[in-house]
Amino acid sequence: MSTGNIVTGDDYFPRPADEKKLWRHLSDGAHILLLAPRRVGKSSMITHIKNNPNSGYAVIYVFVQACDSEQSFYQKMLREIYRSEHIKKSEKIKNKLSEWARSINFSLSVSPTNLEFELGEDKGVPKLITYEMIRDVLYESLKLSEDTIIIAIDEFPDVLERISEEQGKKGVEQFLSGIRALCQDPEFNEKVQFILTGSIGLDTLAEKLAVTDLINMLVNMSVRPFKDAQAMEFINFYLKKHCPDIILNIEAQQAIIDGVGWNMPYYLGLVCSQLIDIFDEEERQIEYSDIKVAIDNLFSPDMKTVFSHWRDRLNRLESSERSYAKQVLDLVSRDNTDVTYGEIFNLSQHSDFKDTINSRYVINCLLHDGYLYQPDDDIYQFTSPLLKRWWGRYGS
């Protein structure tokens, strides 16, 4: 298991409650919007259910973060469906997809050689792909499968954000209207369901663009932090995989949990990795005092990048929004002081922000992306002491 990457097989630490909830919604025929901050394990969970689907289902994974238009999104989705292990097993489905692709001069491969082979003498400018075409080709081909097909589209909100930047609200409305139509087509839904995942709050972005009515057919889910007992199981799981000679008692495990403060596997794994380094370098068993040393090591200059994705995620905000977000995080990073809604509101009324930003949108981004949480309605805190400490040192 490598910290920060998608983990599969025996390296995957199960999330039975989240997995059960996901399958329950799917068995009800729902389309899922699965939103969670980066590096909390959502892609690993989706990969796990792809490799271990419930009976009667097949899951196809599509990563669309690089797509910047409705056309590139549809093209990527079709190509990944065609290349998927499930479709490779069915010549009938492959032939159906290939026949349709040739009819619109579209290649299901990005290889120039295959492009010429697939299109033959009729090769030419591909036709624009509409959601109606997607509906027809997927239904007509995938109905040949005995299974219900779950198309898990990872980083879907990134596509919407790029469409908004390039084409504005009109482009967003057109794109989401097509997705909504697919999700509300009863015949189509007999064979195809979607899981739309992302680390950007699609609901937050939709609210900003005033298009929430176009996503309200989706069932919202998130990836929840471990409870302390499960976090201890994960710590033991991680150490057994990487260094089974390390033995931690309950007090040491609890110290890791308290130090991390947000029981997500990436962050628990970071501390465990540092403990393994101590064990290897000093050739002795881990002591309680080593927990603090391991956590302190995460903030050394050569470890600066382990949290840098938090700052990088702010780059998707507009310049004035980003400046406001950074000042909010600076405010919340103060030592041992809760930040109230009133303080954040007062900051939003500063002349630099009052007439240029939507404060509610920026705060919702920080909440949905995992920077902040609210222990009650009027208080804002960092999700993790680790993140608070990193932001205070390196964030600004």
Protein backbone atom coordinates (compact mmCIF):
# COMPACT_ATOMS: atom_id res chain seq x y z
CA MET A 1 0.00 0.00 0.00
CA SER A 2 1.44 3.34 -1.07
CA THR A 3 0.18 6.41 0.73
CA GLY A 4 -1.76 8.73 -1.55
CA ASN A 5 -2.25 6.34 -4.49
CA ILE A 6 -5.25 4.19 -5.38
CA VAL A 7 -4.96 0.93 -3.46
CA THR A 8 -6.43 -2.37 -4.61
CA GLY A 9 -6.69 -6.02 -3.63
CA ASP A 10 -5.18 -6.99 -0.28
CA ASP A 11 -3.80 -3.46 0.12
CA TYR A 12 -7.32 -2.01 0.30
CA PHE A 13 -8.68 -1.36 3.78
CA PRO A 14 -12.44 -2.01 3.66
CA ARG A 15 -15.05 0.65 4.36
CA PRO A 16 -18.02 -1.66 4.96
CA ALA A 17 -20.47 1.03 6.09
CA ASP A 18 -19.81 3.32 3.10
CA GLU A 19 -19.72 0.41 0.66
CA LYS A 20 -23.00 -0.98 1.99
CA LYS A 21 -24.65 2.44 1.76
CA LEU A 22 -23.43 2.89 -1.82
CA TRP A 23 -24.75 -0.50 -2.93
CA ARG A 24 -28.06 0.13 -1.16
CA HIS A 25 -28.61 3.31 -3.17
CA LEU A 26 -27.57 1.58 -6.39
CA SER A 27 -29.92 -1.34 -5.76
CA ASP A 28 -32.70 1.25 -5.39
CA GLY A 29 -31.89 2.44 -8.91
CA ALA A 30 -30.30 5.72 -7.84
CA HIS A 31 -27.57 7.73 -9.53
CA ILE A 32 -24.95 8.71 -6.95
CA LEU A 33 -23.05 11.95 -6.39
CA LEU A 34 -20.05 10.91 -4.29
CA LEU A 35 -18.13 13.98 -3.16
CA ALA A 36 -15.17 13.96 -0.79
CA PRO A 37 -11.89 15.88 -0.38
CA ARG A 38 -8.76 14.64 -2.07
CA ARG A 39 -6.84 11.75 -0.52
CA VAL A 40 -9.60 10.37 1.65
CA GLY A 41 -9.93 7.12 -0.30
CA LYS A 42 -12.96 7.60 -2.57
CA SER A 43 -11.16 6.45 -5.74
CA SER A 44 -9.83 3.39 -3.90
CA MET A 45 -13.35 2.56 -2.73
CA ILE A 46 -14.74 2.93 -6.26
CA THR A 47 -11.94 0.75 -7.63
CA HIS A 48 -12.74 -1.84 -4.96
CA ILE A 49 -16.41 -2.05 -5.88
CA LYS A 50 -15.39 -2.23 -9.56
CA ASN A 51 -13.22 -5.23 -8.82
CA ASN A 52 -15.75 -6.75 -6.40
CA PRO A 53 -19.22 -5.85 -7.70
CA ASN A 54 -22.44 -7.17 -6.23
CA SER A 55 -24.12 -9.96 -8.15
CA GLY A 56 -25.92 -8.66 -11.23
CA TYR A 57 -23.74 -5.55 -11.60
CA ALA A 58 -20.63 -4.56 -13.53
CA VAL A 59 -18.73 -1.36 -12.75
CA ILE A 60 -16.78 0.61 -15.37
CA TYR A 61 -14.37 3.28 -14.10
CA VAL A 62 -13.82 6.46 -16.13
CA PHE A 63 -11.36 9.19 -15.07
CA VAL A 64 -12.39 12.48 -16.72
CA GLN A 65 -10.37 15.16 -14.92
CA ALA A 66 -8.59 16.26 -18.12
CA CYS A 67 -11.81 16.69 -20.12
CA ASP A 68 -12.65 20.32 -20.85
CA SER A 69 -15.85 20.12 -22.90
CA GLU A 70 -19.03 18.13 -23.34
CA GLN A 71 -17.53 16.49 -26.45
CA SER A 72 -14.28 15.44 -24.79
CA PHE A 73 -16.29 14.08 -21.85
CA TYR A 74 -18.52 11.92 -24.04
CA GLN A 75 -15.56 10.75 -26.11
CA LYS A 76 -13.55 9.78 -23.03
CA MET A 77 -16.52 7.96 -21.50
CA LEU A 78 -17.21 5.96 -24.66
CA ARG A 79 -13.57 4.98 -25.11
CA GLU A 80 -13.19 3.85 -21.51
CA ILE A 81 -16.41 1.85 -21.71
CA TYR A 82 -15.18 0.17 -24.89
CA ARG A 83 -11.78 -0.61 -23.31
CA SER A 84 -13.21 -1.89 -20.01
CA GLU A 85 -12.67 -5.46 -18.89
CA HIS A 86 -16.40 -6.12 -18.80
CA ILE A 87 -16.97 -5.05 -22.41
CA LYS A 88 -13.89 -6.95 -23.62
CA LYS A 89 -15.69 -10.14 -22.61
CA SER A 90 -18.59 -9.52 -25.00
CA GLU A 91 -17.98 -9.49 -28.74
CA LYS A 92 -21.62 -8.53 -29.31
CA ILE A 93 -21.30 -5.35 -27.25
CA LYS A 94 -17.90 -4.48 -28.75
CA ASN A 95 -19.23 -4.92 -32.27
CA LYS A 96 -22.30 -2.82 -31.50
CA LEU A 97 -20.17 0.02 -30.17
CA SER A 98 -17.70 -0.22 -33.07
CA GLU A 99 -20.49 -0.20 -35.65
CA TRP A 100 -22.00 2.93 -34.14
CA ALA A 101 -18.62 4.68 -33.86
CA ARG A 102 -17.91 4.08 -37.54
CA SER A 103 -21.31 5.52 -38.45
CA ILE A 104 -20.32 8.91 -37.00
CA ASN A 105 -16.62 8.79 -37.97
CA PHE A 106 -15.55 8.44 -34.36
CA SER A 107 -12.65 6.26 -33.24
CA LEU A 108 -12.97 4.27 -30.05
CA SER A 109 -9.17 4.28 -29.93
CA VAL A 110 -6.80 7.25 -29.76
CA SER A 111 -4.20 5.38 -31.81
CA PRO A 112 -3.74 6.91 -35.31
CA THR A 113 -3.24 3.43 -36.81
CA ASN A 114 -6.42 2.12 -35.24
CA LEU A 115 -8.25 5.29 -36.21
CA GLU A 116 -7.59 4.64 -39.89
CA PHE A 117 -8.45 0.95 -39.51
CA GLU A 118 -11.69 1.60 -37.65
CA LEU A 119 -13.00 4.28 -39.99
CA GLY A 120 -11.79 2.72 -43.23
CA GLU A 121 -12.72 4.49 -46.45
CA ASP A 122 -15.47 6.47 -44.78
CA LYS A 123 -13.15 8.30 -42.42
CA GLY A 124 -13.90 11.99 -42.11
CA VAL A 125 -14.85 14.66 -39.61
CA PRO A 126 -16.57 13.03 -36.60
CA LYS A 127 -20.12 14.13 -35.90
CA LEU A 128 -20.90 15.98 -32.71
CA ILE A 129 -21.94 13.54 -29.99
CA THR A 130 -25.15 14.49 -28.22
CA TYR A 131 -26.62 13.06 -25.04
CA GLU A 132 -29.38 11.53 -27.20
CA MET A 133 -26.71 9.64 -29.13
CA ILE A 134 -25.07 8.56 -25.86
CA ARG A 135 -28.42 7.34 -24.63
CA ASP A 136 -29.14 5.31 -27.74
CA VAL A 137 -25.71 3.73 -28.23
CA LEU A 138 -25.23 2.82 -24.58
CA TYR A 139 -28.71 1.41 -24.18
CA GLU A 140 -28.65 -0.55 -27.44
CA SER A 141 -25.21 -2.00 -26.73
CA LEU A 142 -25.28 -2.49 -22.96
CA LYS A 143 -28.72 -4.10 -22.95
CA LEU A 144 -26.88 -7.06 -24.46
CA SER A 145 -25.19 -7.54 -21.07
CA GLU A 146 -26.87 -9.61 -18.39
CA ASP A 147 -25.63 -7.15 -15.77
CA THR A 148 -26.69 -3.65 -14.84
CA ILE A 149 -23.78 -1.38 -15.81
CA ILE A 150 -22.56 1.15 -13.26
CA ILE A 151 -20.45 3.87 -14.90
CA ALA A 152 -18.27 5.45 -12.21
CA ILE A 153 -17.07 8.82 -13.49
CA ASP A 154 -14.23 10.15 -11.35
CA GLU A 155 -13.58 13.91 -11.00
CA PHE A 156 -16.81 14.83 -12.77
CA PRO A 157 -17.04 18.32 -11.18
CA ASP A 158 -13.68 19.24 -12.74
CA VAL A 159 -15.27 18.87 -16.18
CA LEU A 160 -18.14 21.12 -15.20
CA GLU A 161 -15.73 23.72 -13.86
CA ARG A 162 -13.77 23.77 -17.12
CA ILE A 163 -16.94 24.02 -19.18
CA SER A 164 -17.98 26.96 -17.02
CA GLU A 165 -14.63 28.68 -17.62
CA GLU A 166 -14.76 28.15 -21.38
CA GLN A 167 -18.46 28.43 -22.19
CA GLY A 168 -20.08 30.08 -19.20
CA LYS A 169 -23.42 29.22 -17.66
CA LYS A 170 -25.02 28.34 -21.00
CA GLY A 171 -22.48 25.59 -21.62
CA VAL A 172 -22.95 24.25 -18.08
CA GLU A 173 -26.73 24.18 -18.48
CA GLN A 174 -26.49 22.32 -21.78
CA PHE A 175 -24.09 19.74 -20.37
CA LEU A 176 -25.98 19.11 -17.13
CA SER A 177 -29.33 19.04 -18.93
CA GLY A 178 -28.02 16.12 -20.97
CA ILE A 179 -26.77 14.28 -17.88
CA ARG A 180 -30.10 14.91 -16.15
CA ALA A 181 -32.02 13.57 -19.14
CA LEU A 182 -29.95 10.37 -19.07
CA CYS A 183 -30.51 9.93 -15.34
CA GLN A 184 -34.27 10.38 -15.72
CA ASP A 185 -34.79 8.04 -18.69
CA PRO A 186 -36.57 4.96 -17.25
CA GLU A 187 -35.60 2.59 -20.07
CA PHE A 188 -31.96 3.72 -20.05
CA ASN A 189 -31.81 3.34 -16.27
CA GLU A 190 -32.81 -0.30 -16.50
CA LYS A 191 -29.31 -1.00 -17.81
CA VAL A 192 -27.13 1.99 -16.86
CA GLN A 193 -26.56 3.93 -13.64
CA PHE A 194 -23.96 6.58 -12.82
CA ILE A 195 -21.70 7.25 -9.87
CA LEU A 196 -20.33 10.78 -10.28
CA THR A 197 -17.39 11.42 -7.98
CA GLY A 198 -15.17 14.38 -7.29
CA SER A 199 -13.13 16.36 -4.81
CA ILE A 200 -14.78 19.63 -5.78
CA GLY A 201 -18.23 20.25 -4.36
CA LEU A 202 -20.47 19.87 -7.42
CA ASP A 203 -23.42 21.05 -5.35
CA THR A 204 -21.44 24.13 -4.29
CA LEU A 205 -20.47 24.91 -7.89
CA ALA A 206 -24.04 24.32 -9.06
CA GLU A 207 -25.32 26.72 -6.41
CA LYS A 208 -22.86 29.38 -7.53
CA LEU A 209 -24.02 28.97 -11.15
CA ALA A 210 -27.71 28.75 -10.14
CA VAL A 211 -28.18 25.33 -11.77
CA THR A 212 -28.99 23.19 -8.71
CA ASP A 213 -32.23 22.08 -10.37
CA LEU A 214 -30.11 20.16 -12.89
CA ILE A 215 -28.42 17.93 -10.29
CA ASN A 216 -31.22 17.36 -7.77
CA MET A 217 -31.93 13.92 -9.25
CA LEU A 218 -28.63 12.65 -7.76
CA VAL A 219 -28.36 10.99 -4.36
CA ASN A 220 -25.58 12.63 -2.33
CA MET A 221 -22.95 10.57 -0.53
CA SER A 222 -19.59 11.21 1.05
CA VAL A 223 -16.66 9.17 2.36
CA ARG A 224 -16.75 9.38 6.12
CA PRO A 225 -13.78 9.42 8.52
CA PHE A 226 -13.12 6.25 10.49
CA LYS A 227 -14.40 5.99 14.00
CA ASP A 228 -11.56 5.58 16.51
CA ALA A 229 -11.96 1.80 16.71
CA GLN A 230 -11.76 1.48 12.93
CA ALA A 231 -8.82 3.88 12.83
CA MET A 232 -6.96 1.56 15.22
CA GLU A 233 -7.76 -1.36 12.92
CA PHE A 234 -6.33 0.64 10.02
CA ILE A 235 -3.12 1.48 11.93
CA ASN A 236 -2.58 -2.21 12.67
CA PHE A 237 -3.46 -3.10 9.06
CA TYR A 238 -0.96 -0.58 7.69
CA LEU A 239 1.87 -1.63 9.99
CA LYS A 240 1.26 -5.32 9.34
CA LYS A 241 1.58 -4.65 5.60
CA HIS A 242 4.71 -2.50 5.83
CA CYS A 243 6.53 -3.43 9.01
CA PRO A 244 4.96 -6.27 11.02
CA ASP A 245 7.75 -6.08 13.62
CA ILE A 246 6.31 -2.83 14.99
CA ILE A 247 3.92 -3.37 17.88
CA LEU A 248 1.87 -0.43 19.15
CA ASN A 249 -0.25 -0.58 22.29
CA ILE A 250 -3.65 1.06 22.49
CA GLU A 251 -2.26 4.22 24.09
CA ALA A 252 0.20 4.73 21.23
CA GLN A 253 -2.51 4.11 18.65
CA GLN A 254 -4.78 6.63 20.37
CA ALA A 255 -1.95 9.18 20.36
CA ILE A 256 -1.74 8.83 16.56
CA ILE A 257 -5.49 9.30 16.28
CA ASP A 258 -5.44 12.35 18.53
CA GLY A 259 -2.52 13.85 16.62
CA VAL A 260 -4.17 13.36 13.23
CA GLY A 261 -7.61 14.44 14.41
CA TRP A 262 -9.31 13.38 11.16
CA ASN A 263 -9.36 9.63 10.74
CA MET A 264 -8.70 9.31 7.04
CA PRO A 265 -6.27 6.60 5.85
CA TYR A 266 -3.90 8.95 4.01
CA TYR A 267 -3.11 10.96 7.16
CA LEU A 268 -2.99 7.98 9.50
CA GLY A 269 -0.67 6.33 6.98
CA LEU A 270 1.66 9.34 6.93
CA VAL A 271 2.28 9.04 10.66
CA CYS A 272 2.70 5.28 10.46
CA SER A 273 5.24 5.72 7.67
CA GLN A 274 7.29 8.04 9.86
CA LEU A 275 7.19 5.50 12.68
CA ILE A 276 8.53 2.84 10.32
CA ASP A 277 11.41 5.19 9.42
CA ILE A 278 12.22 5.62 13.11
CA PHE A 279 12.07 1.86 13.65
CA ASP A 280 14.40 1.19 10.71
CA GLU A 281 16.89 3.93 11.50
CA GLU A 282 17.18 3.38 15.25
CA GLU A 283 16.68 -0.42 15.19
CA ARG A 284 14.48 -0.50 18.26
CA GLN A 285 10.84 -0.89 19.13
CA ILE A 286 8.61 2.18 18.89
CA GLU A 287 7.95 4.05 22.14
CA TYR A 288 5.09 6.34 23.06
CA SER A 289 7.31 9.42 22.78
CA ASP A 290 8.09 8.50 19.16
CA ILE A 291 4.52 9.41 18.15
CA LYS A 292 5.19 13.09 18.67
CA VAL A 293 8.52 12.81 16.85
CA ALA A 294 6.83 11.12 13.89
CA ILE A 295 4.20 13.86 13.68
CA ASP A 296 6.83 16.60 14.03
CA ASN A 297 8.78 15.01 11.17
CA LEU A 298 5.84 15.63 8.83
CA PHE A 299 6.56 19.35 9.06
CA SER A 300 10.24 19.22 8.23
CA PRO A 301 11.22 21.05 5.01
CA ASP A 302 11.78 17.83 3.05
CA MET A 303 8.21 16.70 3.87
CA LYS A 304 6.62 19.98 2.85
CA THR A 305 4.91 18.49 -0.21
CA VAL A 306 2.80 15.92 1.68
CA PHE A 307 0.17 18.58 2.35
CA SER A 308 0.87 20.93 -0.55
CA HIS A 309 -2.18 19.68 -2.45
CA TRP A 310 -4.27 21.65 0.04
CA ARG A 311 -2.79 24.92 -1.13
CA ASP A 312 -2.83 23.83 -4.77
CA ARG A 313 -6.56 23.14 -4.62
CA LEU A 314 -7.18 26.82 -3.97
CA ASN A 315 -5.82 27.62 -7.44
CA ARG A 316 -9.16 26.65 -8.97
CA LEU A 317 -10.73 29.69 -7.29
CA GLU A 318 -10.69 33.07 -8.98
CA SER A 319 -7.96 35.46 -7.82
CA SER A 320 -10.09 37.44 -5.37
CA GLU A 321 -11.79 34.27 -4.10
CA ARG A 322 -8.40 32.66 -3.54
CA SER A 323 -7.14 35.69 -1.64
CA TYR A 324 -10.23 35.61 0.58
CA ALA A 325 -9.93 31.85 1.16
CA LYS A 326 -6.29 32.21 2.23
CA GLN A 327 -7.17 34.98 4.68
CA VAL A 328 -9.99 32.84 6.10
CA LEU A 329 -7.55 29.95 6.59
CA ASP A 330 -5.00 32.30 8.17
CA LEU A 331 -7.73 33.43 10.57
CA VAL A 332 -8.74 29.88 11.48
CA SER A 333 -5.11 28.81 11.97
CA ARG A 334 -4.72 31.05 15.01
CA ASP A 335 -3.58 29.13 18.09
CA ASN A 336 -6.28 27.78 20.41
CA THR A 337 -8.91 30.22 19.21
CA ASP A 338 -12.23 29.31 17.63
CA VAL A 339 -13.25 31.46 14.68
CA THR A 340 -16.88 32.52 14.58
CA TYR A 341 -19.20 33.16 11.68
CA GLY A 342 -19.20 36.85 12.65
CA GLU A 343 -15.44 37.14 12.21
CA ILE A 344 -15.57 35.50 8.79
CA PHE A 345 -18.48 37.70 7.78
CA ASN A 346 -16.58 40.81 8.86
CA LEU A 347 -13.64 39.70 6.71
CA SER A 348 -15.97 39.30 3.73
CA GLN A 349 -17.02 42.93 4.14
CA HIS A 350 -13.48 44.20 3.63
CA SER A 351 -13.20 46.52 0.63
CA ASP A 352 -11.09 43.94 -1.23
CA PHE A 353 -13.91 41.37 -1.11
CA LYS A 354 -17.28 42.96 -0.44
CA ASP A 355 -18.27 43.60 -4.05
CA THR A 356 -16.07 41.02 -5.80
CA ILE A 357 -16.66 37.63 -4.17
CA ASN A 358 -19.45 35.33 -3.08
CA SER A 359 -18.34 34.64 0.49
CA ARG A 360 -20.83 31.80 0.95
CA TYR A 361 -19.47 30.00 -2.11
CA VAL A 362 -15.84 30.28 -0.95
CA ILE A 363 -16.65 29.09 2.59
CA ASN A 364 -18.67 26.18 1.19
CA CYS A 365 -15.68 25.25 -0.99
CA LEU A 366 -13.43 25.18 2.08
CA LEU A 367 -15.97 23.04 3.93
CA HIS A 368 -16.62 20.62 1.07
CA ASP A 369 -12.95 20.28 0.13
CA GLY A 370 -12.03 19.25 3.66
CA TYR A 371 -10.14 22.33 4.85
CA LEU A 372 -12.68 23.32 7.47
CA TYR A 373 -15.58 21.88 9.42
CA GLN A 374 -18.14 23.32 11.79
CA PRO A 375 -18.48 21.71 15.24
CA ASP A 376 -21.57 23.91 15.52
CA ASP A 377 -23.27 26.45 13.27
CA ASP A 378 -21.29 29.46 14.48
CA ILE A 379 -17.77 27.98 14.77
CA TYR A 380 -15.15 27.09 12.15
CA GLN A 381 -12.11 24.86 12.71
CA PHE A 382 -9.57 23.00 10.59
CA THR A 383 -10.55 19.40 9.95
CA SER A 384 -7.20 18.22 11.30
CA PRO A 385 -4.55 19.55 13.68
CA LEU A 386 -2.03 18.39 11.06
CA LEU A 387 -3.54 20.63 8.42
CA LYS A 388 -3.83 23.57 10.82
CA ARG A 389 -0.19 23.23 11.76
CA TRP A 390 0.92 22.88 8.13
CA TRP A 391 -1.10 25.89 7.03
CA GLY A 392 0.33 28.02 9.82
CA ARG A 393 3.84 27.13 8.70
CA TYR A 394 3.63 26.78 4.92
CA GLY A 395 0.15 27.62 3.70
CA SER A 396 0.52 31.36 3.22
